[in-house]
Amino acid sequence: MDEHCTFLQAGELSAIIGDDTPRGPGGRQYSGIWSLIHTACSVSPFQGAYAGLIAGAHRGSGPRLERLGEASARLVRTPTEKTPAFETRGSYTLTPPHYVDYTFEAIYQAGAQPPDPAVFTWCSYMNSPLDRSIHFIENDVWTTLAPVIHGEAASVFPKGLDDAHRESWERRAGEARFAEQATNFHHSFSGKTFDYPFYFGLIHGMAFLLMADHHRDFRFYISPSGAGHSAVPGLASPAWDFTWLNWRPQPGQTRTLHVRLAFFMPHHSLVNSQVWQEWSTFRQLHPVQ
């Protein structure tokens, strides 16, 4: 019998990585990091019935869970009749002192033409932060994004993006830019851009920092209520999400995205400088494309 989840531990972190077996009100959706615990914080940043770093390609698709070691596991979805063009693999590795290193591979199959662009999304359903906003750098200045309503002012684009590397909805103007918000909440531009492909939030006294090694093809977006209920009376929990675009993928190619999630106890008066140091370390490991 296949295992549906596995326990990983390294440094200050322990995690449960699981497939999309039904385990909450949403049924087969929540593959990824089921729980993440730091030695300084006994509460997971992710909603208990949901998960974090959920690849859209693995939601409800029956990915296979593979344990790779004491600190590493992988979710694999092989091509299907519905999605014949690519196989996807998402590897989660705990790295001391406080990192989840995540590698996602899109393996395009010979003889099947993939979509252009191929769009991959990730959701992280957060667990009752007092501050639902995310923080990032825009035009060399730290800024925040905290939409009030689900589906409005959700997405942040990279700075200097040209039209050749925008999806069709991203090129809309005027009233047309609202065309798909009802069904694709992130199809709403916040008016903000990012200088570097990282963002962080504060949750349960901890810093939750997500960094990626692609700039032009990376987007992040937020829903103030995407994670549903909150343990804080009168509040909802946010979803802190991102997208990666593959332009002109070819059969036989493999495209790779590296993401590092840092979950650590910050010095709150120095959190911005700590985040910048974490980002500087990450981009030495994985230069930005």
C-alpha atoms as a PDB file:
ATOM      1  CA  MET A   1       0.000   0.000   0.000  1.00  0.00           C
ATOM      2  CA  ASP A   2       1.384   3.394  -0.979  1.00  0.00           C
ATOM      3  CA  GLU A   3       2.055   5.925   1.768  1.00  0.00           C
ATOM      4  CA  HIS A   4       0.197   9.215   1.412  1.00  0.00           C
ATOM      5  CA  CYS A   5       2.559  11.335   3.526  1.00  0.00           C
ATOM      6  CA  THR A   6       6.035  11.292   5.026  1.00  0.00           C
ATOM      7  CA  PHE A   7       7.805  13.073   7.893  1.00  0.00           C
ATOM      8  CA  LEU A   8      11.012  15.022   7.223  1.00  0.00           C
ATOM      9  CA  GLN A   9      13.382  16.699   9.660  1.00  0.00           C
ATOM     10  CA  ALA A  10      16.577  18.758   9.394  1.00  0.00           C
ATOM     11  CA  GLY A  11      18.019  21.683  11.331  1.00  0.00           C
ATOM     12  CA  GLU A  12      15.294  23.725  13.034  1.00  0.00           C
ATOM     13  CA  LEU A  13      12.472  22.450  10.818  1.00  0.00           C
ATOM     14  CA  SER A  14      10.256  19.405  10.590  1.00  0.00           C
ATOM     15  CA  ALA A  15       7.632  18.871   7.913  1.00  0.00           C
ATOM     16  CA  ILE A  16       4.978  16.519   6.651  1.00  0.00           C
ATOM     17  CA  ILE A  17       4.895  16.195   2.870  1.00  0.00           C
ATOM     18  CA  GLY A  18       1.760  14.594   1.478  1.00  0.00           C
ATOM     19  CA  ASP A  19      -0.045  13.749  -1.717  1.00  0.00           C
ATOM     20  CA  ASP A  20      -3.592  14.841  -2.594  1.00  0.00           C
ATOM     21  CA  THR A  21      -5.459  12.143  -0.716  1.00  0.00           C
ATOM     22  CA  PRO A  22      -8.675  13.667   0.731  1.00  0.00           C
ATOM     23  CA  ARG A  23      -7.884  15.220   4.112  1.00  0.00           C
ATOM     24  CA  GLY A  24      -9.986  18.361   4.348  1.00  0.00           C
ATOM     25  CA  PRO A  25     -13.144  20.112   3.192  1.00  0.00           C
ATOM     26  CA  GLY A  26     -11.755  20.634  -0.302  1.00  0.00           C
ATOM     27  CA  GLY A  27     -11.249  16.949  -1.056  1.00  0.00           C
ATOM     28  CA  ARG A  28      -8.383  16.004  -3.380  1.00  0.00           C
ATOM     29  CA  GLN A  29      -6.549  19.299  -3.659  1.00  0.00           C
ATOM     30  CA  TYR A  30      -3.952  19.701  -0.987  1.00  0.00           C
ATOM     31  CA  SER A  31      -0.708  17.995  -1.954  1.00  0.00           C
ATOM     32  CA  GLY A  32       2.514  19.637  -0.779  1.00  0.00           C
ATOM     33  CA  ILE A  33       3.642  20.688   2.693  1.00  0.00           C
ATOM     34  CA  TRP A  34       0.883  19.525   4.995  1.00  0.00           C
ATOM     35  CA  SER A  35       2.656  20.902   8.064  1.00  0.00           C
ATOM     36  CA  LEU A  36       5.842  22.868   8.792  1.00  0.00           C
ATOM     37  CA  ILE A  37       7.113  23.295  12.349  1.00  0.00           C
ATOM     38  CA  HIS A  38      10.082  25.344  13.595  1.00  0.00           C
ATOM     39  CA  THR A  39      11.740  24.615  16.938  1.00  0.00           C
ATOM     40  CA  ALA A  40      10.874  28.181  18.021  1.00  0.00           C
ATOM     41  CA  CYS A  41       7.229  27.954  16.888  1.00  0.00           C
ATOM     42  CA  SER A  42       4.866  25.066  17.548  1.00  0.00           C
ATOM     43  CA  VAL A  43       2.274  26.284  15.010  1.00  0.00           C
ATOM     44  CA  SER A  44       2.464  25.526  11.292  1.00  0.00           C
ATOM     45  CA  PRO A  45       2.240  28.563   8.996  1.00  0.00           C
ATOM     46  CA  PHE A  46      -0.206  26.554   6.844  1.00  0.00           C
ATOM     47  CA  GLN A  47      -3.892  25.871   7.520  1.00  0.00           C
ATOM     48  CA  GLY A  48      -4.217  22.433   9.063  1.00  0.00           C
ATOM     49  CA  ALA A  49      -6.742  21.021   6.582  1.00  0.00           C
ATOM     50  CA  TYR A  50      -4.945  22.545   3.599  1.00  0.00           C
ATOM     51  CA  ALA A  51      -1.224  22.871   2.768  1.00  0.00           C
ATOM     52  CA  GLY A  52       1.598  25.042   1.452  1.00  0.00           C
ATOM     53  CA  LEU A  53       3.667  25.055  -1.730  1.00  0.00           C
ATOM     54  CA  ILE A  54       0.870  23.253  -3.551  1.00  0.00           C
ATOM     55  CA  ALA A  55       1.701  22.870  -7.231  1.00  0.00           C
ATOM     56  CA  GLY A  56      -1.389  23.422  -9.363  1.00  0.00           C
ATOM     57  CA  ALA A  57      -0.127  20.656 -11.645  1.00  0.00           C
ATOM     58  CA  HIS A  58      -0.468  18.223  -8.718  1.00  0.00           C
ATOM     59  CA  ARG A  59      -3.856  19.300  -7.354  1.00  0.00           C
ATOM     60  CA  GLY A  60      -6.408  16.551  -7.737  1.00  0.00           C
ATOM     61  CA  SER A  61      -4.186  14.708 -10.198  1.00  0.00           C
ATOM     62  CA  GLY A  62      -3.078  11.819  -7.996  1.00  0.00           C
ATOM     63  CA  PRO A  63       0.650  12.594  -7.783  1.00  0.00           C
ATOM     64  CA  ARG A  64       2.886   9.793  -6.556  1.00  0.00           C
ATOM     65  CA  LEU A  65       4.755  10.474  -3.307  1.00  0.00           C
ATOM     66  CA  GLU A  66       8.386   9.297  -3.167  1.00  0.00           C
ATOM     67  CA  ARG A  67      10.480   9.489  -0.003  1.00  0.00           C
ATOM     68  CA  LEU A  68      14.067  10.315  -0.999  1.00  0.00           C
ATOM     69  CA  GLY A  69      15.714  10.407   2.439  1.00  0.00           C
ATOM     70  CA  GLU A  70      15.394  11.653   6.005  1.00  0.00           C
ATOM     71  CA  ALA A  71      15.020  15.238   4.797  1.00  0.00           C
ATOM     72  CA  SER A  72      13.679  14.937   1.247  1.00  0.00           C
ATOM     73  CA  ALA A  73      10.580  13.774  -0.628  1.00  0.00           C
ATOM     74  CA  ARG A  74       9.126  14.212  -4.106  1.00  0.00           C
ATOM     75  CA  LEU A  75       5.710  14.377  -5.738  1.00  0.00           C
ATOM     76  CA  VAL A  76       5.524  13.104  -9.325  1.00  0.00           C
ATOM     77  CA  ARG A  77       2.693  13.323 -11.817  1.00  0.00           C
ATOM     78  CA  THR A  78       3.173  11.359 -15.021  1.00  0.00           C
ATOM     79  CA  PRO A  79       1.494  12.372 -18.305  1.00  0.00           C
ATOM     80  CA  THR A  80      -2.191  11.565 -18.597  1.00  0.00           C
ATOM     81  CA  GLU A  81      -4.752  11.617 -21.370  1.00  0.00           C
ATOM     82  CA  LYS A  82      -5.874  15.030 -20.111  1.00  0.00           C
ATOM     83  CA  THR A  83      -2.331  16.424 -19.836  1.00  0.00           C
ATOM     84  CA  PRO A  84      -0.151  14.401 -22.231  1.00  0.00           C
ATOM     85  CA  ALA A  85       2.484  17.040 -22.942  1.00  0.00           C
ATOM     86  CA  PHE A  86       4.549  16.940 -19.763  1.00  0.00           C
ATOM     87  CA  GLU A  87       5.524  15.143 -16.585  1.00  0.00           C
ATOM     88  CA  THR A  88       5.961  17.233 -13.437  1.00  0.00           C
ATOM     89  CA  ARG A  89       8.157  16.594 -10.405  1.00  0.00           C
ATOM     90  CA  GLY A  90       8.274  18.650  -7.233  1.00  0.00           C
ATOM     91  CA  SER A  91      11.031  17.864  -4.725  1.00  0.00           C
ATOM     92  CA  TYR A  92      10.940  19.169  -1.140  1.00  0.00           C
ATOM     93  CA  THR A  93      14.202  19.122   0.837  1.00  0.00           C
ATOM     94  CA  LEU A  94      14.710  20.460   4.360  1.00  0.00           C
ATOM     95  CA  THR A  95      18.088  22.191   4.585  1.00  0.00           C
ATOM     96  CA  PRO A  96      19.609  23.464   7.865  1.00  0.00           C
ATOM     97  CA  PRO A  97      19.112  25.734   9.541  1.00  0.00           C
ATOM     98  CA  HIS A  98      15.592  26.772   8.418  1.00  0.00           C
ATOM     99  CA  TYR A  99      14.955  26.144   4.722  1.00  0.00           C
ATOM    100  CA  VAL A 100      12.637  24.159   2.502  1.00  0.00           C
ATOM    101  CA  ASP A 101      14.444  23.881  -0.838  1.00  0.00           C
ATOM    102  CA  TYR A 102      11.940  23.102  -3.561  1.00  0.00           C
ATOM    103  CA  THR A 103      12.766  22.073  -7.128  1.00  0.00           C
ATOM    104  CA  PHE A 104      10.055  21.814  -9.763  1.00  0.00           C
ATOM    105  CA  GLU A 105      10.723  20.144 -13.114  1.00  0.00           C
ATOM    106  CA  ALA A 106       8.448  20.276 -16.158  1.00  0.00           C
ATOM    107  CA  ILE A 107       9.563  17.427 -18.431  1.00  0.00           C
ATOM    108  CA  TYR A 108       8.062  17.963 -21.882  1.00  0.00           C
ATOM    109  CA  GLN A 109       7.299  14.750 -23.705  1.00  0.00           C
ATOM    110  CA  ALA A 110       8.498  13.921 -27.199  1.00  0.00           C
ATOM    111  CA  GLY A 111       5.655  13.820 -29.704  1.00  0.00           C
ATOM    112  CA  ALA A 112       3.293  16.094 -27.738  1.00  0.00           C
ATOM    113  CA  GLN A 113       3.147  19.835 -28.318  1.00  0.00           C
ATOM    114  CA  PRO A 114       2.922  21.744 -25.022  1.00  0.00           C
ATOM    115  CA  PRO A 115       0.917  24.952 -24.603  1.00  0.00           C
ATOM    116  CA  ASP A 116       2.683  28.299 -25.047  1.00  0.00           C
ATOM    117  CA  PRO A 117       3.105  29.559 -22.476  1.00  0.00           C
ATOM    118  CA  ALA A 118       2.788  26.626 -20.103  1.00  0.00           C
ATOM    119  CA  VAL A 119       1.550  28.207 -16.871  1.00  0.00           C
ATOM    120  CA  PHE A 120       2.333  26.649 -13.487  1.00  0.00           C
ATOM    121  CA  THR A 121       0.856  27.940 -10.238  1.00  0.00           C
ATOM    122  CA  TRP A 122       1.444  27.361  -6.533  1.00  0.00           C
ATOM    123  CA  CYS A 123      -0.769  28.082  -3.541  1.00  0.00           C
ATOM    124  CA  SER A 124       0.145  28.447   0.111  1.00  0.00           C
ATOM    125  CA  TYR A 125      -2.863  28.595   2.426  1.00  0.00           C
ATOM    126  CA  MET A 126      -1.713  30.513   5.473  1.00  0.00           C
ATOM    127  CA  ASN A 127      -2.786  29.951   9.049  1.00  0.00           C
ATOM    128  CA  SER A 128      -4.258  33.056  10.695  1.00  0.00           C
ATOM    129  CA  PRO A 129      -1.524  35.725  10.441  1.00  0.00           C
ATOM    130  CA  LEU A 130      -2.350  38.995  12.188  1.00  0.00           C
ATOM    131  CA  ASP A 131      -0.748  40.797   9.249  1.00  0.00           C
ATOM    132  CA  ARG A 132      -2.094  39.368   5.987  1.00  0.00           C
ATOM    133  CA  SER A 133       0.167  41.478   3.736  1.00  0.00           C
ATOM    134  CA  ILE A 134       3.265  40.437   1.816  1.00  0.00           C
ATOM    135  CA  HIS A 135       6.431  42.547   1.623  1.00  0.00           C
ATOM    136  CA  PHE A 136       8.858  43.011  -1.296  1.00  0.00           C
ATOM    137  CA  ILE A 137      11.058  45.598  -3.018  1.00  0.00           C
ATOM    138  CA  GLU A 138       9.662  47.933  -5.681  1.00  0.00           C
ATOM    139  CA  ASN A 139      11.878  50.569  -7.319  1.00  0.00           C
ATOM    140  CA  ASP A 140      14.547  50.055  -4.634  1.00  0.00           C
ATOM    141  CA  VAL A 141      12.075  50.671  -1.802  1.00  0.00           C
ATOM    142  CA  TRP A 142      10.438  48.145   0.537  1.00  0.00           C
ATOM    143  CA  THR A 143       6.687  48.042   0.010  1.00  0.00           C
ATOM    144  CA  THR A 144       3.672  45.906   0.926  1.00  0.00           C
ATOM    145  CA  LEU A 145       0.596  44.462  -0.737  1.00  0.00           C
ATOM    146  CA  ALA A 146      -2.575  43.781   1.235  1.00  0.00           C
ATOM    147  CA  PRO A 147      -5.690  43.529  -0.982  1.00  0.00           C
ATOM    148  CA  VAL A 148      -8.962  44.040   0.844  1.00  0.00           C
ATOM    149  CA  ILE A 149     -11.176  41.892  -1.386  1.00  0.00           C
ATOM    150  CA  HIS A 150     -10.512  38.486  -2.945  1.00  0.00           C
ATOM    151  CA  GLY A 151      -9.856  38.916  -6.666  1.00  0.00           C
ATOM    152  CA  GLU A 152      -8.991  42.607  -6.620  1.00  0.00           C
ATOM    153  CA  ALA A 153      -5.474  44.052  -6.899  1.00  0.00           C
ATOM    154  CA  ALA A 154      -4.004  40.579  -6.490  1.00  0.00           C
ATOM    155  CA  SER A 155      -0.968  40.230  -8.784  1.00  0.00           C
ATOM    156  CA  VAL A 156       2.525  41.717  -8.790  1.00  0.00           C
ATOM    157  CA  PHE A 157       4.549  41.634 -12.033  1.00  0.00           C
ATOM    158  CA  PRO A 158       8.310  41.833 -12.489  1.00  0.00           C
ATOM    159  CA  LYS A 159       9.781  45.251 -13.134  1.00  0.00           C
ATOM    160  CA  GLY A 160      10.570  46.077 -16.776  1.00  0.00           C
ATOM    161  CA  LEU A 161       8.341  43.384 -18.266  1.00  0.00           C
ATOM    162  CA  ASP A 162       7.846  43.645 -22.036  1.00  0.00           C
ATOM    163  CA  ASP A 163       4.640  42.700 -23.863  1.00  0.00           C
ATOM    164  CA  ALA A 164       6.324  39.697 -25.484  1.00  0.00           C
ATOM    165  CA  HIS A 165       6.523  38.104 -22.035  1.00  0.00           C
ATOM    166  CA  ARG A 166       3.025  38.916 -20.818  1.00  0.00           C
ATOM    167  CA  GLU A 167       0.047  36.606 -20.972  1.00  0.00           C
ATOM    168  CA  SER A 168      -2.914  37.884 -22.957  1.00  0.00           C
ATOM    169  CA  TRP A 169      -4.815  38.945 -19.824  1.00  0.00           C
ATOM    170  CA  GLU A 170      -1.754  40.883 -18.644  1.00  0.00           C
ATOM    171  CA  ARG A 171      -1.899  43.065 -21.753  1.00  0.00           C
ATOM    172  CA  ARG A 172      -5.504  44.123 -21.191  1.00  0.00           C
ATOM    173  CA  ALA A 173      -6.350  47.736 -20.416  1.00  0.00           C
ATOM    174  CA  GLY A 174      -9.414  49.637 -19.266  1.00  0.00           C
ATOM    175  CA  GLU A 175     -12.541  47.633 -18.428  1.00  0.00           C
ATOM    176  CA  ALA A 176     -11.159  44.582 -20.261  1.00  0.00           C
ATOM    177  CA  ARG A 177      -8.665  43.978 -17.487  1.00  0.00           C
ATOM    178  CA  PHE A 178     -11.525  42.806 -15.235  1.00  0.00           C
ATOM    179  CA  ALA A 179     -12.805  40.180 -17.694  1.00  0.00           C
ATOM    180  CA  GLU A 180     -11.717  37.004 -15.885  1.00  0.00           C
ATOM    181  CA  GLN A 181     -11.536  38.018 -12.257  1.00  0.00           C
ATOM    182  CA  ALA A 182     -14.619  36.003 -11.306  1.00  0.00           C
ATOM    183  CA  THR A 183     -13.024  32.699 -12.337  1.00  0.00           C
ATOM    184  CA  ASN A 184      -9.290  33.516 -12.063  1.00  0.00           C
ATOM    185  CA  PHE A 185      -8.860  35.723  -9.036  1.00  0.00           C
ATOM    186  CA  HIS A 186      -5.183  36.409  -9.703  1.00  0.00           C
ATOM    187  CA  HIS A 187      -6.080  37.919 -13.094  1.00  0.00           C
ATOM    188  CA  SER A 188      -6.143  41.337 -11.467  1.00  0.00           C
ATOM    189  CA  PHE A 189      -3.133  43.642 -11.436  1.00  0.00           C
ATOM    190  CA  SER A 190      -2.248  45.415  -8.196  1.00  0.00           C
ATOM    191  CA  GLY A 191      -0.398  48.210  -9.976  1.00  0.00           C
ATOM    192  CA  LYS A 192       2.783  47.129  -8.187  1.00  0.00           C
ATOM    193  CA  THR A 193       5.954  45.549  -9.579  1.00  0.00           C
ATOM    194  CA  PHE A 194       8.858  43.752  -7.923  1.00  0.00           C
ATOM    195  CA  ASP A 195      12.587  44.327  -8.396  1.00  0.00           C
ATOM    196  CA  TYR A 196      13.559  40.823  -7.228  1.00  0.00           C
ATOM    197  CA  PRO A 197      11.639  37.526  -7.260  1.00  0.00           C
ATOM    198  CA  PHE A 198      11.030  37.195  -3.533  1.00  0.00           C
ATOM    199  CA  TYR A 199       8.427  38.183  -0.967  1.00  0.00           C
ATOM    200  CA  PHE A 200       7.859  37.615   2.720  1.00  0.00           C
ATOM    201  CA  GLY A 201       5.162  37.765   5.343  1.00  0.00           C
ATOM    202  CA  LEU A 202       5.107  37.664   9.141  1.00  0.00           C
ATOM    203  CA  ILE A 203       3.176  34.883  10.826  1.00  0.00           C
ATOM    204  CA  HIS A 204       3.116  33.710  14.460  1.00  0.00           C
ATOM    205  CA  GLY A 205       6.194  35.817  15.206  1.00  0.00           C
ATOM    206  CA  MET A 206       8.120  34.147  12.379  1.00  0.00           C
ATOM    207  CA  ALA A 207       9.309  35.341   8.973  1.00  0.00           C
ATOM    208  CA  PHE A 208       7.982  33.380   5.997  1.00  0.00           C
ATOM    209  CA  LEU A 209      10.188  34.176   2.992  1.00  0.00           C
ATOM    210  CA  LEU A 210       9.791  32.738  -0.496  1.00  0.00           C
ATOM    211  CA  MET A 211      12.520  33.191  -3.155  1.00  0.00           C
ATOM    212  CA  ALA A 212      12.757  31.983  -6.784  1.00  0.00           C
ATOM    213  CA  ASP A 213      15.483  31.837  -9.430  1.00  0.00           C
ATOM    214  CA  HIS A 214      13.405  33.297 -12.303  1.00  0.00           C
ATOM    215  CA  HIS A 215      12.557  36.978 -12.683  1.00  0.00           C
ATOM    216  CA  ARG A 216      10.820  37.768 -15.983  1.00  0.00           C
ATOM    217  CA  ASP A 217       8.741  34.577 -15.844  1.00  0.00           C
ATOM    218  CA  PHE A 218       7.739  34.841 -12.169  1.00  0.00           C
ATOM    219  CA  ARG A 219       4.606  36.441 -10.684  1.00  0.00           C
ATOM    220  CA  PHE A 220       3.217  36.483  -7.191  1.00  0.00           C
ATOM    221  CA  TYR A 221      -0.265  37.257  -5.982  1.00  0.00           C
ATOM    222  CA  ILE A 222      -2.313  37.326  -2.816  1.00  0.00           C
ATOM    223  CA  SER A 223      -5.858  36.744  -1.688  1.00  0.00           C
ATOM    224  CA  PRO A 224      -6.735  38.230   1.722  1.00  0.00           C
ATOM    225  CA  SER A 225      -9.248  35.436   2.346  1.00  0.00           C
ATOM    226  CA  GLY A 226      -8.096  32.576   0.112  1.00  0.00           C
ATOM    227  CA  ALA A 227      -7.296  30.281   3.037  1.00  0.00           C
ATOM    228  CA  GLY A 228     -10.718  30.703   4.579  1.00  0.00           C
ATOM    229  CA  HIS A 229     -11.345  30.832   8.307  1.00  0.00           C
ATOM    230  CA  SER A 230      -8.962  32.363  10.817  1.00  0.00           C
ATOM    231  CA  ALA A 231      -8.361  31.612  14.478  1.00  0.00           C
ATOM    232  CA  VAL A 232      -8.304  35.399  14.950  1.00  0.00           C
ATOM    233  CA  PRO A 233     -11.878  36.611  15.497  1.00  0.00           C
ATOM    234  CA  GLY A 234     -13.158  38.798  12.694  1.00  0.00           C
ATOM    235  CA  LEU A 235     -10.367  37.883  10.249  1.00  0.00           C
ATOM    236  CA  ALA A 236      -9.898  35.469   7.360  1.00  0.00           C
ATOM    237  CA  SER A 237      -6.632  33.794   6.388  1.00  0.00           C
ATOM    238  CA  PRO A 238      -4.744  34.768   3.219  1.00  0.00           C
ATOM    239  CA  ALA A 239      -3.292  32.787   0.353  1.00  0.00           C
ATOM    240  CA  TRP A 240       0.267  33.830  -0.580  1.00  0.00           C
ATOM    241  CA  ASP A 241       0.684  32.383  -4.092  1.00  0.00           C
ATOM    242  CA  PHE A 242       2.931  32.520  -7.162  1.00  0.00           C
ATOM    243  CA  THR A 243       3.088  31.611 -10.857  1.00  0.00           C
ATOM    244  CA  TRP A 244       5.891  30.489 -13.189  1.00  0.00           C
ATOM    245  CA  LEU A 245       5.532  30.839 -16.962  1.00  0.00           C
ATOM    246  CA  ASN A 246       7.302  28.633 -19.524  1.00  0.00           C
ATOM    247  CA  TRP A 247       7.490  30.421 -22.873  1.00  0.00           C
ATOM    248  CA  ARG A 248       7.827  28.372 -26.062  1.00  0.00           C
ATOM    249  CA  PRO A 249       8.516  24.987 -24.410  1.00  0.00           C
ATOM    250  CA  GLN A 250       9.636  22.296 -26.830  1.00  0.00           C
ATOM    251  CA  PRO A 251       9.052  18.531 -26.811  1.00  0.00           C
ATOM    252  CA  GLY A 252      12.010  16.774 -25.199  1.00  0.00           C
ATOM    253  CA  GLN A 253      12.963  19.775 -23.019  1.00  0.00           C
ATOM    254  CA  THR A 254      13.118  19.926 -19.234  1.00  0.00           C
ATOM    255  CA  ARG A 255      12.484  23.277 -17.560  1.00  0.00           C
ATOM    256  CA  THR A 256      13.413  23.776 -13.905  1.00  0.00           C
ATOM    257  CA  LEU A 257      12.401  26.241 -11.201  1.00  0.00           C
ATOM    258  CA  HIS A 258      14.252  26.508  -7.883  1.00  0.00           C
ATOM    259  CA  VAL A 259      12.415  27.960  -4.888  1.00  0.00           C
ATOM    260  CA  ARG A 260      13.647  28.400  -1.333  1.00  0.00           C
ATOM    261  CA  LEU A 261      11.237  28.862   1.549  1.00  0.00           C
ATOM    262  CA  ALA A 262      12.930  30.291   4.645  1.00  0.00           C
ATOM    263  CA  PHE A 263      10.955  30.052   7.893  1.00  0.00           C
ATOM    264  CA  PHE A 264      12.807  31.643  10.795  1.00  0.00           C
ATOM    265  CA  MET A 265      12.575  33.753  13.935  1.00  0.00           C
ATOM    266  CA  PRO A 266      13.498  37.301  12.887  1.00  0.00           C
ATOM    267  CA  HIS A 267      14.928  40.212  14.788  1.00  0.00           C
ATOM    268  CA  HIS A 268      11.906  42.375  14.069  1.00  0.00           C
ATOM    269  CA  SER A 269      13.802  45.651  13.938  1.00  0.00           C
ATOM    270  CA  LEU A 270      16.173  44.057  11.397  1.00  0.00           C
ATOM    271  CA  VAL A 271      13.817  41.814   9.432  1.00  0.00           C
ATOM    272  CA  ASN A 272      14.316  43.630   6.110  1.00  0.00           C
ATOM    273  CA  SER A 273      18.090  43.310   6.299  1.00  0.00           C
ATOM    274  CA  GLN A 274      17.791  39.662   7.339  1.00  0.00           C
ATOM    275  CA  VAL A 275      15.544  38.981   4.354  1.00  0.00           C
ATOM    276  CA  TRP A 276      18.019  40.706   2.045  1.00  0.00           C
ATOM    277  CA  GLN A 277      20.853  38.557   3.402  1.00  0.00           C
ATOM    278  CA  GLU A 278      18.785  35.410   2.840  1.00  0.00           C
ATOM    279  CA  TRP A 279      18.077  36.537  -0.723  1.00  0.00           C
ATOM    280  CA  SER A 280      21.767  37.268  -1.356  1.00  0.00           C
ATOM    281  CA  THR A 281      22.688  33.770  -0.187  1.00  0.00           C
ATOM    282  CA  PHE A 282      19.997  32.137  -2.330  1.00  0.00           C
ATOM    283  CA  ARG A 283      20.952  33.893  -5.564  1.00  0.00           C
ATOM    284  CA  GLN A 284      24.543  32.784  -5.109  1.00  0.00           C
ATOM    285  CA  LEU A 285      23.266  29.202  -5.029  1.00  0.00           C
ATOM    286  CA  HIS A 286      20.820  29.751  -7.900  1.00  0.00           C
ATOM    287  CA  PRO A 287      21.602  32.764 -10.112  1.00  0.00           C
ATOM    288  CA  VAL A 288      18.448  34.436 -11.325  1.00  0.00           C
ATOM    289  CA  GLN A 289      17.420  33.715 -14.913  1.00  0.00           C
END
